[in-house]
Amino acid sequence: MTDITPIITAVIALISVIITVFLIPYIKSRTTASQQAVIAAIVQTSVYGFEQLIQGDGMGAKRFINVIDDVQDKLEKRGITFNYEDIRLQIEAAVKDMNIKQGAA
């Protein structure tokens, strides 16, 4: 009778390599993309929300502080790590987009 243990071991090793090289990076890239979508949605919602809640000239700094706190809280609750500078840039982009849309309306 032939011993097939080396063949089974080789197949398991090959499957492990495929998972390590292809599947894990794919899963990580999908998670990052979905997290970026969540972050963008949270930032936009917060920017629009605090624009409505805190109105008046010269209130931009107060709105920004509230938005950054709100975004930070929501991301931490979801277990999403973030870079402050990236979030700040996304907030600025959302504000610019909102201002453009309001100017067009």
N, C-alpha and C. Protein backbone atom coordinates (compact mmCIF):
# COMPACT_ATOMS: atom_id res chain seq x y z
N MET A 1 0.84 -1.17 0.00
CA MET A 1 0.00 0.00 0.00
C MET A 1 0.90 1.25 0.00
N THR A 2 0.46 2.28 -0.72
CA THR A 2 1.26 3.49 -0.88
C THR A 2 0.91 4.48 0.21
N ASP A 3 1.97 5.10 0.77
CA ASP A 3 1.78 6.11 1.81
C ASP A 3 1.56 7.47 1.13
N ILE A 4 0.39 8.09 1.34
CA ILE A 4 0.08 9.37 0.70
C ILE A 4 0.28 10.57 1.64
N THR A 5 0.88 10.32 2.78
CA THR A 5 1.11 11.40 3.75
C THR A 5 1.92 12.55 3.15
N PRO A 6 3.01 12.30 2.40
CA PRO A 6 3.75 13.43 1.81
C PRO A 6 2.91 14.25 0.83
N ILE A 7 2.02 13.58 0.11
CA ILE A 7 1.16 14.30 -0.84
C ILE A 7 0.18 15.19 -0.09
N ILE A 8 -0.42 14.67 0.95
CA ILE A 8 -1.36 15.45 1.76
C ILE A 8 -0.64 16.63 2.41
N THR A 9 0.55 16.41 2.92
CA THR A 9 1.34 17.47 3.53
C THR A 9 1.66 18.57 2.51
N ALA A 10 2.01 18.16 1.29
CA ALA A 10 2.33 19.13 0.24
C ALA A 10 1.09 19.94 -0.15
N VAL A 11 -0.06 19.30 -0.22
CA VAL A 11 -1.30 20.00 -0.56
C VAL A 11 -1.66 21.01 0.53
N ILE A 12 -1.52 20.62 1.78
CA ILE A 12 -1.80 21.54 2.89
C ILE A 12 -0.84 22.72 2.86
N ALA A 13 0.43 22.46 2.58
CA ALA A 13 1.42 23.55 2.49
C ALA A 13 1.07 24.49 1.35
N LEU A 14 0.64 23.93 0.21
CA LEU A 14 0.27 24.75 -0.94
C LEU A 14 -0.95 25.62 -0.63
N ILE A 15 -1.93 25.06 0.03
CA ILE A 15 -3.12 25.82 0.42
C ILE A 15 -2.73 26.94 1.39
N SER A 16 -1.84 26.66 2.32
CA SER A 16 -1.38 27.68 3.27
C SER A 16 -0.69 28.84 2.55
N VAL A 17 0.12 28.51 1.57
CA VAL A 17 0.82 29.55 0.81
C VAL A 17 -0.19 30.40 0.03
N ILE A 18 -1.15 29.77 -0.59
CA ILE A 18 -2.16 30.51 -1.36
C ILE A 18 -2.94 31.44 -0.44
N ILE A 19 -3.33 30.96 0.72
CA ILE A 19 -4.06 31.80 1.68
C ILE A 19 -3.20 32.98 2.11
N THR A 20 -1.94 32.71 2.42
CA THR A 20 -1.05 33.77 2.91
C THR A 20 -0.76 34.81 1.83
N VAL A 21 -0.52 34.36 0.61
CA VAL A 21 -0.10 35.27 -0.45
C VAL A 21 -1.28 36.02 -1.08
N PHE A 22 -2.42 35.36 -1.25
CA PHE A 22 -3.52 35.97 -1.99
C PHE A 22 -4.72 36.36 -1.13
N LEU A 23 -5.19 35.46 -0.31
CA LEU A 23 -6.45 35.68 0.38
C LEU A 23 -6.34 36.73 1.49
N ILE A 24 -5.32 36.65 2.32
CA ILE A 24 -5.19 37.60 3.43
C ILE A 24 -5.02 39.04 2.93
N PRO A 25 -4.12 39.31 1.97
CA PRO A 25 -4.04 40.69 1.46
C PRO A 25 -5.35 41.17 0.83
N TYR A 26 -6.06 40.27 0.16
CA TYR A 26 -7.34 40.64 -0.43
C TYR A 26 -8.33 41.05 0.65
N ILE A 27 -8.42 40.27 1.71
CA ILE A 27 -9.34 40.59 2.81
C ILE A 27 -8.95 41.91 3.46
N LYS A 28 -7.66 42.12 3.67
CA LYS A 28 -7.21 43.38 4.28
C LYS A 28 -7.53 44.57 3.40
N SER A 29 -7.36 44.44 2.10
CA SER A 29 -7.64 45.57 1.21
C SER A 29 -9.13 45.86 1.17
N ARG A 30 -9.97 44.85 1.23
CA ARG A 30 -11.41 45.06 1.23
C ARG A 30 -11.86 45.72 2.54
N THR A 31 -11.29 45.30 3.63
CA THR A 31 -11.65 45.89 4.92
C THR A 31 -11.27 47.37 4.93
N THR A 32 -10.10 47.69 4.46
CA THR A 32 -9.65 49.07 4.43
C THR A 32 -10.57 49.92 3.55
N ALA A 33 -10.95 49.39 2.41
CA ALA A 33 -11.82 50.14 1.51
C ALA A 33 -13.19 50.36 2.16
N SER A 34 -13.71 49.33 2.82
CA SER A 34 -15.02 49.50 3.45
C SER A 34 -14.92 50.45 4.64
N GLN A 35 -13.80 50.40 5.37
CA GLN A 35 -13.62 51.33 6.47
C GLN A 35 -13.51 52.76 5.96
N GLN A 36 -12.84 52.96 4.83
CA GLN A 36 -12.74 54.30 4.26
C GLN A 36 -14.11 54.83 3.86
N ALA A 37 -14.95 53.96 3.35
CA ALA A 37 -16.31 54.38 3.00
C ALA A 37 -17.10 54.78 4.24
N VAL A 38 -16.93 54.02 5.32
CA VAL A 38 -17.60 54.34 6.57
C VAL A 38 -17.11 55.68 7.10
N ILE A 39 -15.81 55.88 7.08
CA ILE A 39 -15.23 57.13 7.57
C ILE A 39 -15.76 58.32 6.76
N ALA A 40 -15.78 58.18 5.44
CA ALA A 40 -16.26 59.28 4.59
C ALA A 40 -17.73 59.59 4.88
N ALA A 41 -18.53 58.57 5.07
CA ALA A 41 -19.95 58.78 5.36
C ALA A 41 -20.14 59.46 6.71
N ILE A 42 -19.39 59.02 7.71
CA ILE A 42 -19.48 59.61 9.04
C ILE A 42 -19.06 61.08 9.00
N VAL A 43 -17.95 61.36 8.32
CA VAL A 43 -17.45 62.74 8.23
C VAL A 43 -18.49 63.62 7.55
N GLN A 44 -19.01 63.18 6.41
CA GLN A 44 -19.98 64.00 5.68
C GLN A 44 -21.24 64.24 6.51
N THR A 45 -21.73 63.21 7.15
CA THR A 45 -22.93 63.35 7.98
C THR A 45 -22.69 64.33 9.12
N SER A 46 -21.53 64.23 9.77
CA SER A 46 -21.21 65.13 10.88
C SER A 46 -21.08 66.57 10.41
N VAL A 47 -20.41 66.76 9.28
CA VAL A 47 -20.22 68.11 8.75
C VAL A 47 -21.58 68.75 8.44
N TYR A 48 -22.42 68.03 7.74
CA TYR A 48 -23.74 68.58 7.39
C TYR A 48 -24.59 68.80 8.65
N GLY A 49 -24.50 67.86 9.60
CA GLY A 49 -25.29 67.97 10.82
C GLY A 49 -24.90 69.18 11.65
N PHE A 50 -23.61 69.37 11.87
CA PHE A 50 -23.18 70.49 12.70
C PHE A 50 -23.30 71.82 11.98
N GLU A 51 -23.33 71.79 10.65
CA GLU A 51 -23.61 73.02 9.91
C GLU A 51 -25.03 73.49 10.22
N GLN A 52 -25.94 72.54 10.39
CA GLN A 52 -27.32 72.89 10.71
C GLN A 52 -27.49 73.25 12.18
N LEU A 53 -26.78 72.55 13.06
CA LEU A 53 -26.94 72.76 14.50
C LEU A 53 -26.28 74.04 15.00
N ILE A 54 -25.12 74.36 14.46
CA ILE A 54 -24.35 75.52 14.94
C ILE A 54 -24.27 76.51 13.78
N GLN A 55 -25.16 77.47 13.79
CA GLN A 55 -25.20 78.44 12.69
C GLN A 55 -24.65 79.78 13.14
N GLY A 56 -24.23 80.54 12.16
CA GLY A 56 -23.72 81.87 12.43
C GLY A 56 -22.32 82.06 11.90
N ASP A 57 -22.01 83.31 11.61
CA ASP A 57 -20.67 83.65 11.15
C ASP A 57 -19.67 83.50 12.29
N GLY A 58 -18.47 83.08 11.97
CA GLY A 58 -17.42 82.95 12.97
C GLY A 58 -17.56 81.71 13.85
N MET A 59 -18.42 80.79 13.46
CA MET A 59 -18.63 79.58 14.26
C MET A 59 -17.92 78.36 13.67
N GLY A 60 -17.09 78.58 12.66
CA GLY A 60 -16.40 77.48 11.99
C GLY A 60 -15.55 76.65 12.92
N ALA A 61 -14.80 77.32 13.81
CA ALA A 61 -13.93 76.59 14.74
C ALA A 61 -14.75 75.72 15.69
N LYS A 62 -15.87 76.25 16.16
CA LYS A 62 -16.72 75.48 17.07
C LYS A 62 -17.32 74.28 16.34
N ARG A 63 -17.76 74.50 15.08
CA ARG A 63 -18.30 73.38 14.30
C ARG A 63 -17.23 72.32 14.08
N PHE A 64 -16.00 72.76 13.75
CA PHE A 64 -14.91 71.81 13.51
C PHE A 64 -14.64 70.96 14.75
N ILE A 65 -14.56 71.57 15.91
CA ILE A 65 -14.31 70.83 17.15
C ILE A 65 -15.41 69.81 17.39
N ASN A 66 -16.65 70.22 17.17
CA ASN A 66 -17.77 69.29 17.35
C ASN A 66 -17.72 68.15 16.35
N VAL A 67 -17.39 68.46 15.09
CA VAL A 67 -17.31 67.42 14.07
C VAL A 67 -16.21 66.43 14.40
N ILE A 68 -15.03 66.93 14.75
CA ILE A 68 -13.90 66.03 15.04
C ILE A 68 -14.22 65.15 16.24
N ASP A 69 -14.86 65.69 17.27
CA ASP A 69 -15.24 64.89 18.44
C ASP A 69 -16.28 63.83 18.06
N ASP A 70 -17.25 64.23 17.26
CA ASP A 70 -18.31 63.31 16.83
C ASP A 70 -17.74 62.18 15.98
N VAL A 71 -16.88 62.52 15.02
CA VAL A 71 -16.27 61.52 14.15
C VAL A 71 -15.41 60.57 14.98
N GLN A 72 -14.60 61.12 15.86
CA GLN A 72 -13.74 60.29 16.71
C GLN A 72 -14.57 59.32 17.53
N ASP A 73 -15.63 59.79 18.13
CA ASP A 73 -16.49 58.95 18.96
C ASP A 73 -17.11 57.81 18.13
N LYS A 74 -17.64 58.15 16.96
CA LYS A 74 -18.29 57.15 16.13
C LYS A 74 -17.30 56.11 15.59
N LEU A 75 -16.10 56.56 15.23
CA LEU A 75 -15.10 55.61 14.72
C LEU A 75 -14.60 54.69 15.83
N GLU A 76 -14.39 55.23 17.01
CA GLU A 76 -13.94 54.40 18.14
C GLU A 76 -14.99 53.36 18.50
N LYS A 77 -16.27 53.73 18.44
CA LYS A 77 -17.34 52.77 18.72
C LYS A 77 -17.35 51.63 17.72
N ARG A 78 -16.90 51.90 16.49
CA ARG A 78 -16.86 50.88 15.46
C ARG A 78 -15.52 50.14 15.43
N GLY A 79 -14.60 50.56 16.28
CA GLY A 79 -13.29 49.92 16.33
C GLY A 79 -12.40 50.26 15.15
N ILE A 80 -12.65 51.40 14.53
CA ILE A 80 -11.85 51.84 13.38
C ILE A 80 -10.77 52.78 13.86
N THR A 81 -9.53 52.44 13.57
CA THR A 81 -8.43 53.33 13.92
C THR A 81 -8.30 54.38 12.82
N PHE A 82 -7.84 55.55 13.20
CA PHE A 82 -7.77 56.63 12.23
C PHE A 82 -6.60 57.53 12.55
N ASN A 83 -6.21 58.28 11.55
CA ASN A 83 -5.14 59.25 11.65
C ASN A 83 -5.80 60.63 11.71
N TYR A 84 -5.48 61.41 12.72
CA TYR A 84 -6.10 62.72 12.91
C TYR A 84 -5.97 63.59 11.66
N GLU A 85 -4.79 63.61 11.06
CA GLU A 85 -4.56 64.46 9.89
C GLU A 85 -5.43 64.03 8.71
N ASP A 86 -5.59 62.73 8.50
CA ASP A 86 -6.45 62.25 7.42
C ASP A 86 -7.90 62.66 7.65
N ILE A 87 -8.35 62.54 8.90
CA ILE A 87 -9.72 62.93 9.22
C ILE A 87 -9.91 64.44 9.03
N ARG A 88 -8.94 65.22 9.45
CA ARG A 88 -9.02 66.67 9.28
C ARG A 88 -9.13 67.04 7.81
N LEU A 89 -8.35 66.37 6.97
CA LEU A 89 -8.41 66.64 5.53
C LEU A 89 -9.76 66.23 4.95
N GLN A 90 -10.31 65.11 5.42
CA GLN A 90 -11.62 64.69 4.95
C GLN A 90 -12.71 65.67 5.38
N ILE A 91 -12.57 66.21 6.59
CA ILE A 91 -13.53 67.21 7.06
C ILE A 91 -13.46 68.45 6.18
N GLU A 92 -12.26 68.91 5.88
CA GLU A 92 -12.10 70.09 5.03
C GLU A 92 -12.68 69.83 3.64
N ALA A 93 -12.46 68.64 3.11
CA ALA A 93 -13.02 68.30 1.79
C ALA A 93 -14.54 68.27 1.84
N ALA A 94 -15.11 67.73 2.91
CA ALA A 94 -16.57 67.68 3.04
C ALA A 94 -17.15 69.08 3.17
N VAL A 95 -16.47 69.96 3.90
CA VAL A 95 -16.93 71.34 4.05
C VAL A 95 -16.87 72.04 2.69
N LYS A 96 -15.79 71.87 1.96
CA LYS A 96 -15.67 72.49 0.64
C LYS A 96 -16.77 71.99 -0.29
N ASP A 97 -16.99 70.67 -0.28
CA ASP A 97 -18.04 70.08 -1.11
C ASP A 97 -19.41 70.64 -0.73
N MET A 98 -19.67 70.75 0.55
CA MET A 98 -20.94 71.30 1.03
C MET A 98 -21.10 72.75 0.57
N ASN A 99 -20.04 73.55 0.69
CA ASN A 99 -20.10 74.96 0.29
C ASN A 99 -20.34 75.09 -1.21
N ILE A 100 -19.72 74.21 -1.99
CA ILE A 100 -19.93 74.24 -3.44
C ILE A 100 -21.38 73.91 -3.77
N LYS A 101 -21.91 72.88 -3.11
CA LYS A 101 -23.30 72.48 -3.36
C LYS A 101 -24.27 73.57 -2.92
N GLN A 102 -23.99 74.24 -1.82
CA GLN A 102 -24.86 75.32 -1.36
C GLN A 102 -24.79 76.52 -2.29
N GLY A 103 -23.62 76.77 -2.85
CA GLY A 103 -23.47 77.89 -3.79
C GLY A 103 -24.19 77.63 -5.10
N ALA A 104 -24.28 76.35 -5.47
CA ALA A 104 -24.96 75.99 -6.71
C ALA A 104 -26.46 75.98 -6.56
N ALA A 105 -26.92 75.85 -5.31
CA ALA A 105 -28.38 75.75 -5.08
C ALA A 105 -29.04 77.09 -5.10
